Amino acid sequence: MTVLPSVTGKELIAALKKAGFAVVRVKGSHHFLRHTDGRTTVVPVHAGETIGPGLLSKILRDCELSREELHKLL
């Protein structure tokens, strides 16, 4: 099992866009992303802060992506 990378919200959104997700709306610092097949998730974007391991795991579950797939997208 690979270790979760330390990523910011902007880096994670860029990786998810490569996987086919698109930002559908933004409310404050929360970016709502949706895939064409219906998968959705919310990514917080705070300047200079990385996303914690628990939240990153939840986002990957929402997106149905594995840790290895995320490493390839980054």
C-alpha atoms as a PDB file:
ATOM      1  CA  MET A   1       0.000   0.000   0.000  1.00  0.00           C
ATOM      2  CA  THR A   2       1.387   3.378  -0.939  1.00  0.00           C
ATOM      3  CA  VAL A   3       1.530   6.368   1.347  1.00  0.00           C
ATOM      4  CA  LEU A   4      -0.882   9.239   0.717  1.00  0.00           C
ATOM      5  CA  PRO A   5       0.923  12.210  -0.828  1.00  0.00           C
ATOM      6  CA  SER A   6       0.927  15.658   0.753  1.00  0.00           C
ATOM      7  CA  VAL A   7      -1.032  17.837  -1.693  1.00  0.00           C
ATOM      8  CA  THR A   8      -2.725  21.201  -1.665  1.00  0.00           C
ATOM      9  CA  GLY A   9      -6.288  21.725  -2.848  1.00  0.00           C
ATOM     10  CA  LYS A  10      -5.154  23.263  -6.147  1.00  0.00           C
ATOM     11  CA  GLU A  11      -2.829  20.315  -6.881  1.00  0.00           C
ATOM     12  CA  LEU A  12      -5.600  17.826  -6.107  1.00  0.00           C
ATOM     13  CA  ILE A  13      -8.089  19.631  -8.350  1.00  0.00           C
ATOM     14  CA  ALA A  14      -5.550  19.606 -11.211  1.00  0.00           C
ATOM     15  CA  ALA A  15      -5.066  15.847 -10.758  1.00  0.00           C
ATOM     16  CA  LEU A  16      -8.815  15.199 -10.641  1.00  0.00           C
ATOM     17  CA  LYS A  17      -9.300  17.226 -13.827  1.00  0.00           C
ATOM     18  CA  LYS A  18      -6.878  14.819 -15.543  1.00  0.00           C
ATOM     19  CA  ALA A  19      -9.147  11.986 -14.347  1.00  0.00           C
ATOM     20  CA  GLY A  20     -12.176  13.568 -16.020  1.00  0.00           C
ATOM     21  CA  PHE A  21     -13.637  15.671 -13.215  1.00  0.00           C
ATOM     22  CA  ALA A  22     -14.747  19.272 -13.738  1.00  0.00           C
ATOM     23  CA  VAL A  23     -15.431  22.060 -11.273  1.00  0.00           C
ATOM     24  CA  VAL A  24     -19.180  22.673 -11.366  1.00  0.00           C
ATOM     25  CA  ARG A  25     -19.371  25.394  -8.733  1.00  0.00           C
ATOM     26  CA  VAL A  26     -17.437  27.131  -5.985  1.00  0.00           C
ATOM     27  CA  LYS A  27     -18.859  28.242  -2.662  1.00  0.00           C
ATOM     28  CA  GLY A  28     -16.293  30.080  -0.583  1.00  0.00           C
ATOM     29  CA  SER A  29     -13.185  27.919  -0.502  1.00  0.00           C
ATOM     30  CA  HIS A  30     -15.019  24.699  -1.409  1.00  0.00           C
ATOM     31  CA  HIS A  31     -14.806  23.527  -5.011  1.00  0.00           C
ATOM     32  CA  PHE A  32     -17.500  21.050  -6.082  1.00  0.00           C
ATOM     33  CA  LEU A  33     -16.305  18.613  -8.745  1.00  0.00           C
ATOM     34  CA  ARG A  34     -18.359  16.222 -10.854  1.00  0.00           C
ATOM     35  CA  HIS A  35     -17.399  13.478 -13.300  1.00  0.00           C
ATOM     36  CA  THR A  36     -19.453  12.764 -16.412  1.00  0.00           C
ATOM     37  CA  ASP A  37     -20.520   9.420 -14.923  1.00  0.00           C
ATOM     38  CA  GLY A  38     -22.014  11.109 -11.846  1.00  0.00           C
ATOM     39  CA  ARG A  39     -19.261  10.803  -9.222  1.00  0.00           C
ATOM     40  CA  THR A  40     -18.950  13.966  -7.126  1.00  0.00           C
ATOM     41  CA  THR A  41     -16.675  15.323  -4.415  1.00  0.00           C
ATOM     42  CA  VAL A  42     -15.796  18.555  -2.622  1.00  0.00           C
ATOM     43  CA  VAL A  43     -12.213  19.856  -2.363  1.00  0.00           C
ATOM     44  CA  PRO A  44     -11.338  22.701   0.027  1.00  0.00           C
ATOM     45  CA  VAL A  45      -8.763  25.148  -1.347  1.00  0.00           C
ATOM     46  CA  HIS A  46      -6.938  27.091   1.374  1.00  0.00           C
ATOM     47  CA  ALA A  47      -3.778  29.002   0.451  1.00  0.00           C
ATOM     48  CA  GLY A  48      -0.638  27.213   1.585  1.00  0.00           C
ATOM     49  CA  GLU A  49      -2.431  24.395   3.426  1.00  0.00           C
ATOM     50  CA  THR A  50      -2.226  20.733   2.530  1.00  0.00           C
ATOM     51  CA  ILE A  51      -5.183  18.375   2.683  1.00  0.00           C
ATOM     52  CA  GLY A  52      -5.076  16.036   5.674  1.00  0.00           C
ATOM     53  CA  PRO A  53      -4.815  12.273   5.202  1.00  0.00           C
ATOM     54  CA  GLY A  54      -8.353  11.561   6.454  1.00  0.00           C
ATOM     55  CA  LEU A  55      -9.987  14.067   4.118  1.00  0.00           C
ATOM     56  CA  LEU A  56      -7.814  12.945   1.197  1.00  0.00           C
ATOM     57  CA  SER A  57      -8.910   9.333   1.793  1.00  0.00           C
ATOM     58  CA  LYS A  58     -12.569  10.433   1.813  1.00  0.00           C
ATOM     59  CA  ILE A  59     -12.124  12.379  -1.442  1.00  0.00           C
ATOM     60  CA  LEU A  60     -10.487   9.335  -3.079  1.00  0.00           C
ATOM     61  CA  ARG A  61     -13.389   7.124  -1.916  1.00  0.00           C
ATOM     62  CA  ASP A  62     -15.897   9.632  -3.336  1.00  0.00           C
ATOM     63  CA  CYS A  63     -14.015   9.654  -6.649  1.00  0.00           C
ATOM     64  CA  GLU A  64     -13.523   5.869  -6.640  1.00  0.00           C
ATOM     65  CA  LEU A  65      -9.782   6.305  -7.173  1.00  0.00           C
ATOM     66  CA  SER A  66      -6.967   4.327  -5.567  1.00  0.00           C
ATOM     67  CA  ARG A  67      -3.842   5.786  -4.019  1.00  0.00           C
ATOM     68  CA  GLU A  68      -1.796   4.425  -6.917  1.00  0.00           C
ATOM     69  CA  GLU A  69      -4.079   6.131  -9.447  1.00  0.00           C
ATOM     70  CA  LEU A  70      -3.688   9.423  -7.584  1.00  0.00           C
ATOM     71  CA  HIS A  71       0.118   9.086  -7.651  1.00  0.00           C
ATOM     72  CA  LYS A  72      -0.026   8.612 -11.438  1.00  0.00           C
ATOM     73  CA  LEU A  73      -2.226  11.697 -11.878  1.00  0.00           C
ATOM     74  CA  LEU A  74       0.020  13.974  -9.789  1.00  0.00           C
END
